[in-house]
Amino acid sequence: MFLPFDPSARVHLGVVALGTPVRLVECLEALRTHESRHDFVVSVCVNPDTMTPGPLDRDLPEGIRVERPAANLGWGAGLHRLRALVDSEYLVWVQDDMVPEPGWLDALVDAADTYPAVGVFGALRVGDDGAVMLYNGGLARPPGSVDGWNETDTTVEATPSEVTLLEWVTSKGCLTRTEVFDAVGGPDPRLWPLNHVDKDFSTHARCHGWDLALVPSSRLRHAVSQSSPFSFREFLTGWRDDWFDRRWAGPATALSGQTSGVVEHPCAEWREERPDLVEALSGREATKMLVPFARARASAEDRREQELLARIAELETAIAERDVEIADLHERRRRLRRRIAKLKARVERMPE
């Protein structure tokens, strides 16, 4: 059951949000009232979504620890911020636009207690009607091109009935052992704000010898495309692909045919970076600027689309009116031809 925040709790649900939209309040309330045999606490990292963030514009449920970084840390780094708050055995990753189905947390924790060799447990995403939705997990194939990994997800057409080992699982609503999180250095914060964080962490855990599994009885409802404008998400899709492939193609190839194994890989080398004050401050401002910029661009694109649609409608109306005029002219032409034909016939019958 939900407990007021306690750093020593065994299960810690960490929510990362962008600002405080209505969906965040709904998510937190759903977590607070979620029924579970396992005691758990909830924390939330509220990333700033404006250049000048002010007080929280919504009341959040009591008993939840709230962190408000000065920079927009993104998904992965936000999880780092929350992990530092506790010493829990299990850390559950929660996005602000997901709502758990009954039994979600129990299924994850029970699986973690049952399968000690598995380090990361993924949940199954479903729609409002309960139908399974993409993407939940799959294989690291082809190992040299992360762009194709989503295509290996077969959970919609062949949903597993039992806990199933995979090579990557979605980070939405997943559970990790905190010891695994710490051993691999957590998700790479350079995958900002969120692209490929799940596949990065999954591959890294496999390289340390930890298996990954999907828990099909653990289900959550996850809204479609709620966290950022479509054009921004479309841009992010390919933003880090080449970088990801250069980092993980070798280890993923070495792991081919294995669920996990200890193989050579780049291991949280970002921790050696030491940005100076100027870098840190300029980077912080840049993170706060990018989302408002993306929203402004999306708004401008929407206005332009509406303008184009209005112009198209005007042209279609003009074409329709012209078609009416043309049809009228054709009818007048037919009438004139009939009159001419009648006149010619009268002339031919006239006596010479």
Foldseek 3Di string as FASTA:
>chain_A
DEDQDDQAFQEEEEEEAAADDPLLQVQQVLVRPADDPGYYYYEYEHAYQALDDDPRPDDHDGSYHYHYDLFRLAQFVSQVVVLVSHDHQKYWYAYSQKHWDHPQVVLQVVVCVVDVLAFKEWEFEAAPVRQTDDDFAAECPPVLFNLCGRVRGPCRVPNDPAKAWHQFGDSHGMMGGVVLCVVLVTFDSVLPNDPCSRNRSSLSSQQVRGIYIYGHVNYMYGDPPDRADPVVVVCSNPPCRNVVSVFGSVSSVVCPPHRGDNDDGDGPPVVVDDDDPVVVVVNRSVRNPPRVVRVVVSVVVVVVVVVVVVVVVVVVVVVVVVVVVVVVVVVVVVVVVVVVVVVVVVVVPDDD
